[in-house]
Amino acid sequence: MIRIVIAEDQRMLLGALGSLLDLEEDMEVVGKAKNGEEVLDLVRQQDPDICILDIEMPIKSGLDAAEELKDHACKVIILTTFARPGYFDRARKAEVSGYLLKDSPSEELANSIRTIMEGRRIYAPELVDIAFENENPLTDREEQVIKLMADGKNTKEIASQLYLTNGTVRNYISVILDKLDVSNRIEAISRFKEKGWFK
């Protein structure tokens, strides 16, 4: 019997997922959580074989939970509506066993679980395409700058925090806008967020 824990903050979806998987003869849902914090407690209590995580949940996201479960014996599947390259990249680094989209047919989820139990990894094909099409174009330093911009810091504050001159920071910002193909800071932050590149 494959023992499963599910984390999903939308109650109706959580119930539906649980019921669907319980219909499978070789599967049993042993716990349901509404956020990433609860799921970590459940994994410790129930010691499941598989942990299915939504990404955007309150308190702790599915990706945060996946990173904490990296060295745990249970295999992690991310089940999300978001085909964002930054999320997928982070999930791969957390060594998740599966990354599937919620609009996949339900039987596909059950089959994926069985395949993952055999030791294989399954990633939705559209994610793999997106990941290679949409690599984050910014360097580490440019990422530091855009993160500080997103925190509401102005040029002078960014310069002081990164030990750079104001002119250098302005140059970085100009390169960031250029690489992200936007015309101002707000658009840059929003484009970077939309792509899921904020770690």
C-alpha atoms as a PDB file:
ATOM      1  CA  MET A   1       0.000   0.000   0.000  1.00  0.00           C
ATOM      2  CA  ILE A   2       1.398   3.419  -1.004  1.00  0.00           C
ATOM      3  CA  ARG A   3       0.906   5.816   1.901  1.00  0.00           C
ATOM      4  CA  ILE A   4       0.248   9.417   0.830  1.00  0.00           C
ATOM      5  CA  VAL A   5       0.119  12.817   2.531  1.00  0.00           C
ATOM      6  CA  ILE A   6      -1.410  15.773   0.618  1.00  0.00           C
ATOM      7  CA  ALA A   7      -0.930  19.518   1.238  1.00  0.00           C
ATOM      8  CA  GLU A   8      -3.326  21.896  -0.530  1.00  0.00           C
ATOM      9  CA  ASP A   9      -4.809  25.128   0.820  1.00  0.00           C
ATOM     10  CA  GLN A  10      -8.032  24.919  -1.235  1.00  0.00           C
ATOM     11  CA  ARG A  11     -10.266  22.663   0.870  1.00  0.00           C
ATOM     12  CA  MET A  12     -12.463  21.417  -1.965  1.00  0.00           C
ATOM     13  CA  LEU A  13      -9.449  20.404  -4.034  1.00  0.00           C
ATOM     14  CA  LEU A  14      -7.811  18.791  -0.994  1.00  0.00           C
ATOM     15  CA  GLY A  15     -10.947  16.685  -0.401  1.00  0.00           C
ATOM     16  CA  ALA A  16     -11.295  15.769  -4.077  1.00  0.00           C
ATOM     17  CA  LEU A  17      -7.644  14.743  -4.406  1.00  0.00           C
ATOM     18  CA  GLY A  18      -7.860  12.647  -1.261  1.00  0.00           C
ATOM     19  CA  SER A  19     -11.021  10.877  -2.445  1.00  0.00           C
ATOM     20  CA  LEU A  20      -9.621  10.195  -5.921  1.00  0.00           C
ATOM     21  CA  LEU A  21      -6.422   8.656  -4.585  1.00  0.00           C
ATOM     22  CA  ASP A  22      -8.282   6.623  -1.939  1.00  0.00           C
ATOM     23  CA  LEU A  23     -10.216   4.975  -4.800  1.00  0.00           C
ATOM     24  CA  GLU A  24      -6.958   3.423  -6.044  1.00  0.00           C
ATOM     25  CA  GLU A  25      -6.580  -0.120  -4.635  1.00  0.00           C
ATOM     26  CA  ASP A  26      -2.876   0.284  -3.905  1.00  0.00           C
ATOM     27  CA  MET A  27      -3.039   3.774  -2.325  1.00  0.00           C
ATOM     28  CA  GLU A  28      -4.099   5.228   1.013  1.00  0.00           C
ATOM     29  CA  VAL A  29      -4.221   8.913   1.970  1.00  0.00           C
ATOM     30  CA  VAL A  30      -2.916   8.993   5.556  1.00  0.00           C
ATOM     31  CA  GLY A  31      -2.945  12.774   6.070  1.00  0.00           C
ATOM     32  CA  LYS A  32      -4.166  16.085   4.634  1.00  0.00           C
ATOM     33  CA  ALA A  33      -2.650  19.491   5.355  1.00  0.00           C
ATOM     34  CA  LYS A  34      -3.671  23.075   4.515  1.00  0.00           C
ATOM     35  CA  ASN A  35      -0.137  24.528   4.510  1.00  0.00           C
ATOM     36  CA  GLY A  36       3.543  23.637   4.341  1.00  0.00           C
ATOM     37  CA  GLU A  37       4.006  23.780   8.122  1.00  0.00           C
ATOM     38  CA  GLU A  38       1.214  21.253   8.776  1.00  0.00           C
ATOM     39  CA  VAL A  39       2.519  18.889   6.123  1.00  0.00           C
ATOM     40  CA  LEU A  40       5.964  18.696   7.749  1.00  0.00           C
ATOM     41  CA  ASP A  41       4.316  17.649  11.058  1.00  0.00           C
ATOM     42  CA  LEU A  42       2.195  15.059   9.224  1.00  0.00           C
ATOM     43  CA  VAL A  43       5.234  13.607   7.453  1.00  0.00           C
ATOM     44  CA  ARG A  44       7.001  13.208  10.818  1.00  0.00           C
ATOM     45  CA  GLN A  45       3.912  11.547  12.374  1.00  0.00           C
ATOM     46  CA  GLN A  46       2.775   9.346   9.480  1.00  0.00           C
ATOM     47  CA  ASP A  47       6.055   8.586   7.674  1.00  0.00           C
ATOM     48  CA  PRO A  48       4.343   8.409   4.227  1.00  0.00           C
ATOM     49  CA  ASP A  49       5.879   7.083   0.998  1.00  0.00           C
ATOM     50  CA  ILE A  50       4.667  10.072  -1.047  1.00  0.00           C
ATOM     51  CA  CYS A  51       4.028  13.696  -0.182  1.00  0.00           C
ATOM     52  CA  ILE A  52       1.972  15.763  -2.680  1.00  0.00           C
ATOM     53  CA  LEU A  53       2.484  19.522  -2.301  1.00  0.00           C
ATOM     54  CA  ASP A  54       0.770  22.556  -3.776  1.00  0.00           C
ATOM     55  CA  ILE A  55       3.217  25.490  -4.200  1.00  0.00           C
ATOM     56  CA  GLU A  56       1.356  28.584  -3.072  1.00  0.00           C
ATOM     57  CA  MET A  57       0.152  27.909   0.469  1.00  0.00           C
ATOM     58  CA  PRO A  58       0.049  30.090   3.588  1.00  0.00           C
ATOM     59  CA  ILE A  59       2.675  29.963   6.399  1.00  0.00           C
ATOM     60  CA  LYS A  60       5.109  27.824   4.402  1.00  0.00           C
ATOM     61  CA  SER A  61       4.977  27.246   0.637  1.00  0.00           C
ATOM     62  CA  GLY A  62       5.175  23.829  -0.985  1.00  0.00           C
ATOM     63  CA  LEU A  63       8.676  24.641  -2.249  1.00  0.00           C
ATOM     64  CA  ASP A  64       9.831  25.567   1.287  1.00  0.00           C
ATOM     65  CA  ALA A  65       8.417  22.255   2.558  1.00  0.00           C
ATOM     66  CA  ALA A  66      10.012  20.341  -0.356  1.00  0.00           C
ATOM     67  CA  GLU A  67      13.424  21.824   0.526  1.00  0.00           C
ATOM     68  CA  GLU A  68      13.013  20.682   4.131  1.00  0.00           C
ATOM     69  CA  LEU A  69      11.967  17.197   3.001  1.00  0.00           C
ATOM     70  CA  LYS A  70      14.949  16.834   0.661  1.00  0.00           C
ATOM     71  CA  ASP A  71      16.728  14.339   2.947  1.00  0.00           C
ATOM     72  CA  HIS A  72      13.565  12.580   4.108  1.00  0.00           C
ATOM     73  CA  ALA A  73      12.698   9.112   2.828  1.00  0.00           C
ATOM     74  CA  CYS A  74       9.310  10.191   1.444  1.00  0.00           C
ATOM     75  CA  LYS A  75       9.213  11.166  -2.217  1.00  0.00           C
ATOM     76  CA  VAL A  76       7.871  14.641  -3.005  1.00  0.00           C
ATOM     77  CA  ILE A  77       5.512  15.519  -5.856  1.00  0.00           C
ATOM     78  CA  ILE A  78       4.725  19.170  -6.593  1.00  0.00           C
ATOM     79  CA  LEU A  79       1.197  19.521  -7.985  1.00  0.00           C
ATOM     80  CA  THR A  80       0.510  23.072  -9.126  1.00  0.00           C
ATOM     81  CA  THR A  81      -1.279  25.341 -11.592  1.00  0.00           C
ATOM     82  CA  PHE A  82       1.935  27.328 -12.068  1.00  0.00           C
ATOM     83  CA  ALA A  83       4.194  26.395 -14.965  1.00  0.00           C
ATOM     84  CA  ARG A  84       6.821  28.938 -13.919  1.00  0.00           C
ATOM     85  CA  PRO A  85      10.472  28.258 -14.739  1.00  0.00           C
ATOM     86  CA  GLY A  86      11.757  29.702 -11.447  1.00  0.00           C
ATOM     87  CA  TYR A  87       9.483  27.409  -9.431  1.00  0.00           C
ATOM     88  CA  PHE A  88      10.468  24.405 -11.523  1.00  0.00           C
ATOM     89  CA  ASP A  89      14.142  25.251 -11.123  1.00  0.00           C
ATOM     90  CA  ARG A  90      13.789  25.495  -7.334  1.00  0.00           C
ATOM     91  CA  ALA A  91      11.823  22.216  -7.227  1.00  0.00           C
ATOM     92  CA  ARG A  92      14.557  20.447  -9.217  1.00  0.00           C
ATOM     93  CA  LYS A  93      17.195  21.743  -6.793  1.00  0.00           C
ATOM     94  CA  ALA A  94      15.089  20.367  -3.926  1.00  0.00           C
ATOM     95  CA  GLU A  95      15.288  17.027  -5.803  1.00  0.00           C
ATOM     96  CA  VAL A  96      11.515  16.504  -5.982  1.00  0.00           C
ATOM     97  CA  SER A  97      10.439  13.258  -7.650  1.00  0.00           C
ATOM     98  CA  GLY A  98       7.612  14.810  -9.630  1.00  0.00           C
ATOM     99  CA  TYR A  99       6.346  18.193 -10.826  1.00  0.00           C
ATOM    100  CA  LEU A 100       2.881  17.930 -12.316  1.00  0.00           C
ATOM    101  CA  LEU A 101       0.232  20.414 -13.375  1.00  0.00           C
ATOM    102  CA  LYS A 102      -3.256  20.392 -11.837  1.00  0.00           C
ATOM    103  CA  ASP A 103      -4.966  20.323 -15.228  1.00  0.00           C
ATOM    104  CA  SER A 104      -3.553  16.839 -15.933  1.00  0.00           C
ATOM    105  CA  PRO A 105      -6.115  13.970 -15.951  1.00  0.00           C
ATOM    106  CA  SER A 106      -6.584  12.362 -12.502  1.00  0.00           C
ATOM    107  CA  GLU A 107      -5.510   8.874 -13.660  1.00  0.00           C
ATOM    108  CA  GLU A 108      -2.225  10.442 -14.738  1.00  0.00           C
ATOM    109  CA  LEU A 109      -1.542  11.405 -11.110  1.00  0.00           C
ATOM    110  CA  ALA A 110      -2.097   7.835  -9.865  1.00  0.00           C
ATOM    111  CA  ASN A 111       0.121   6.414 -12.633  1.00  0.00           C
ATOM    112  CA  SER A 112       2.796   9.013 -11.899  1.00  0.00           C
ATOM    113  CA  ILE A 113       2.772   8.033  -8.214  1.00  0.00           C
ATOM    114  CA  ARG A 114       3.348   4.372  -9.139  1.00  0.00           C
ATOM    115  CA  THR A 115       6.168   5.293 -11.540  1.00  0.00           C
ATOM    116  CA  ILE A 116       7.806   7.504  -8.878  1.00  0.00           C
ATOM    117  CA  MET A 117       7.585   4.653  -6.360  1.00  0.00           C
ATOM    118  CA  GLU A 118       9.673   2.621  -8.823  1.00  0.00           C
ATOM    119  CA  GLY A 119      12.406   5.222  -8.436  1.00  0.00           C
ATOM    120  CA  ARG A 120      11.821   7.365 -11.528  1.00  0.00           C
ATOM    121  CA  ARG A 121      11.185  11.125 -11.738  1.00  0.00           C
ATOM    122  CA  ILE A 122       8.288  12.671 -13.665  1.00  0.00           C
ATOM    123  CA  TYR A 123       8.135  16.281 -14.816  1.00  0.00           C
ATOM    124  CA  ALA A 124       5.260  17.714 -16.885  1.00  0.00           C
ATOM    125  CA  PRO A 125       6.656  18.035 -20.450  1.00  0.00           C
ATOM    126  CA  GLU A 126       5.545  21.681 -20.813  1.00  0.00           C
ATOM    127  CA  LEU A 127       7.671  22.553 -17.777  1.00  0.00           C
ATOM    128  CA  VAL A 128      10.785  21.085 -19.275  1.00  0.00           C
ATOM    129  CA  ASP A 129      10.223  23.171 -22.430  1.00  0.00           C
ATOM    130  CA  ILE A 130       9.613  26.351 -20.402  1.00  0.00           C
ATOM    131  CA  ALA A 131      12.658  25.739 -18.221  1.00  0.00           C
ATOM    132  CA  PHE A 132      14.957  25.662 -21.220  1.00  0.00           C
ATOM    133  CA  GLU A 133      13.263  28.524 -23.044  1.00  0.00           C
ATOM    134  CA  ASN A 134      13.217  30.818 -20.046  1.00  0.00           C
ATOM    135  CA  GLU A 135      16.502  30.807 -18.223  1.00  0.00           C
ATOM    136  CA  ASN A 136      16.908  33.718 -15.815  1.00  0.00           C
ATOM    137  CA  PRO A 137      19.087  36.206 -17.764  1.00  0.00           C
ATOM    138  CA  LEU A 138      20.371  38.113 -14.710  1.00  0.00           C
ATOM    139  CA  THR A 139      23.771  37.619 -13.091  1.00  0.00           C
ATOM    140  CA  ASP A 140      24.009  37.024  -9.304  1.00  0.00           C
ATOM    141  CA  ARG A 141      24.851  40.698  -8.731  1.00  0.00           C
ATOM    142  CA  GLU A 142      21.944  41.889 -10.909  1.00  0.00           C
ATOM    143  CA  GLU A 143      19.668  39.547  -8.925  1.00  0.00           C
ATOM    144  CA  GLN A 144      20.860  41.129  -5.676  1.00  0.00           C
ATOM    145  CA  VAL A 145      20.017  44.553  -7.116  1.00  0.00           C
ATOM    146  CA  ILE A 146      16.511  43.578  -8.283  1.00  0.00           C
ATOM    147  CA  LYS A 147      15.747  41.927  -4.922  1.00  0.00           C
ATOM    148  CA  LEU A 148      16.672  45.163  -3.130  1.00  0.00           C
ATOM    149  CA  MET A 149      14.552  47.111  -5.640  1.00  0.00           C
ATOM    150  CA  ALA A 150      11.642  44.781  -4.809  1.00  0.00           C
ATOM    151  CA  ASP A 151      12.221  45.516  -1.106  1.00  0.00           C
ATOM    152  CA  GLY A 152      11.569  49.189  -1.931  1.00  0.00           C
ATOM    153  CA  LYS A 153      15.196  50.361  -1.705  1.00  0.00           C
ATOM    154  CA  ASN A 154      16.268  53.377  -3.769  1.00  0.00           C
ATOM    155  CA  THR A 155      19.536  53.685  -5.736  1.00  0.00           C
ATOM    156  CA  LYS A 156      21.427  55.224  -2.812  1.00  0.00           C
ATOM    157  CA  GLU A 157      20.279  52.521  -0.352  1.00  0.00           C
ATOM    158  CA  ILE A 158      21.142  49.732  -2.800  1.00  0.00           C
ATOM    159  CA  ALA A 159      24.595  51.285  -3.360  1.00  0.00           C
ATOM    160  CA  SER A 160      25.244  51.483   0.369  1.00  0.00           C
ATOM    161  CA  GLN A 161      24.041  47.920   1.032  1.00  0.00           C
ATOM    162  CA  LEU A 162      26.111  46.396  -1.799  1.00  0.00           C
ATOM    163  CA  TYR A 163      29.148  48.681  -1.288  1.00  0.00           C
ATOM    164  CA  LEU A 164      28.840  50.127  -4.789  1.00  0.00           C
ATOM    165  CA  THR A 165      28.712  53.671  -6.132  1.00  0.00           C
ATOM    166  CA  ASN A 166      25.357  55.189  -7.140  1.00  0.00           C
ATOM    167  CA  GLY A 167      26.557  55.268 -10.768  1.00  0.00           C
ATOM    168  CA  THR A 168      27.346  51.535 -10.736  1.00  0.00           C
ATOM    169  CA  VAL A 169      23.905  50.740  -9.318  1.00  0.00           C
ATOM    170  CA  ARG A 170      22.270  52.893 -12.015  1.00  0.00           C
ATOM    171  CA  ASN A 171      24.250  50.942 -14.635  1.00  0.00           C
ATOM    172  CA  TYR A 172      23.064  47.633 -13.136  1.00  0.00           C
ATOM    173  CA  ILE A 173      19.445  48.846 -13.168  1.00  0.00           C
ATOM    174  CA  SER A 174      19.736  49.938 -16.783  1.00  0.00           C
ATOM    175  CA  VAL A 175      21.147  46.487 -17.756  1.00  0.00           C
ATOM    176  CA  ILE A 176      18.355  44.751 -15.775  1.00  0.00           C
ATOM    177  CA  LEU A 177      15.646  46.753 -17.586  1.00  0.00           C
ATOM    178  CA  ASP A 178      17.304  45.952 -20.881  1.00  0.00           C
ATOM    179  CA  LYS A 179      17.627  42.207 -20.204  1.00  0.00           C
ATOM    180  CA  LEU A 180      14.039  41.945 -18.971  1.00  0.00           C
ATOM    181  CA  ASP A 181      12.801  44.057 -21.883  1.00  0.00           C
ATOM    182  CA  VAL A 182      10.896  46.519 -19.667  1.00  0.00           C
ATOM    183  CA  SER A 183      10.927  50.299 -19.316  1.00  0.00           C
ATOM    184  CA  ASN A 184      10.921  50.865 -15.538  1.00  0.00           C
ATOM    185  CA  ARG A 185      11.699  49.307 -12.156  1.00  0.00           C
ATOM    186  CA  ILE A 186       8.113  48.335 -11.335  1.00  0.00           C
ATOM    187  CA  GLU A 187       7.751  46.442 -14.619  1.00  0.00           C
ATOM    188  CA  ALA A 188      11.137  44.777 -14.007  1.00  0.00           C
ATOM    189  CA  ILE A 189      10.096  43.534 -10.555  1.00  0.00           C
ATOM    190  CA  SER A 190       6.747  42.356 -11.861  1.00  0.00           C
ATOM    191  CA  ARG A 191       8.319  40.521 -14.860  1.00  0.00           C
ATOM    192  CA  PHE A 192      10.911  38.862 -12.591  1.00  0.00           C
ATOM    193  CA  LYS A 193       8.159  37.777 -10.158  1.00  0.00           C
ATOM    194  CA  GLU A 194       5.886  36.549 -12.965  1.00  0.00           C
ATOM    195  CA  LYS A 195       8.656  34.278 -14.240  1.00  0.00           C
ATOM    196  CA  GLY A 196       9.052  32.827 -10.736  1.00  0.00           C
ATOM    197  CA  TRP A 197      12.727  33.863 -10.551  1.00  0.00           C
ATOM    198  CA  PHE A 198      12.623  35.352  -7.028  1.00  0.00           C
ATOM    199  CA  LYS A 199      14.128  32.587  -4.895  1.00  0.00           C
END
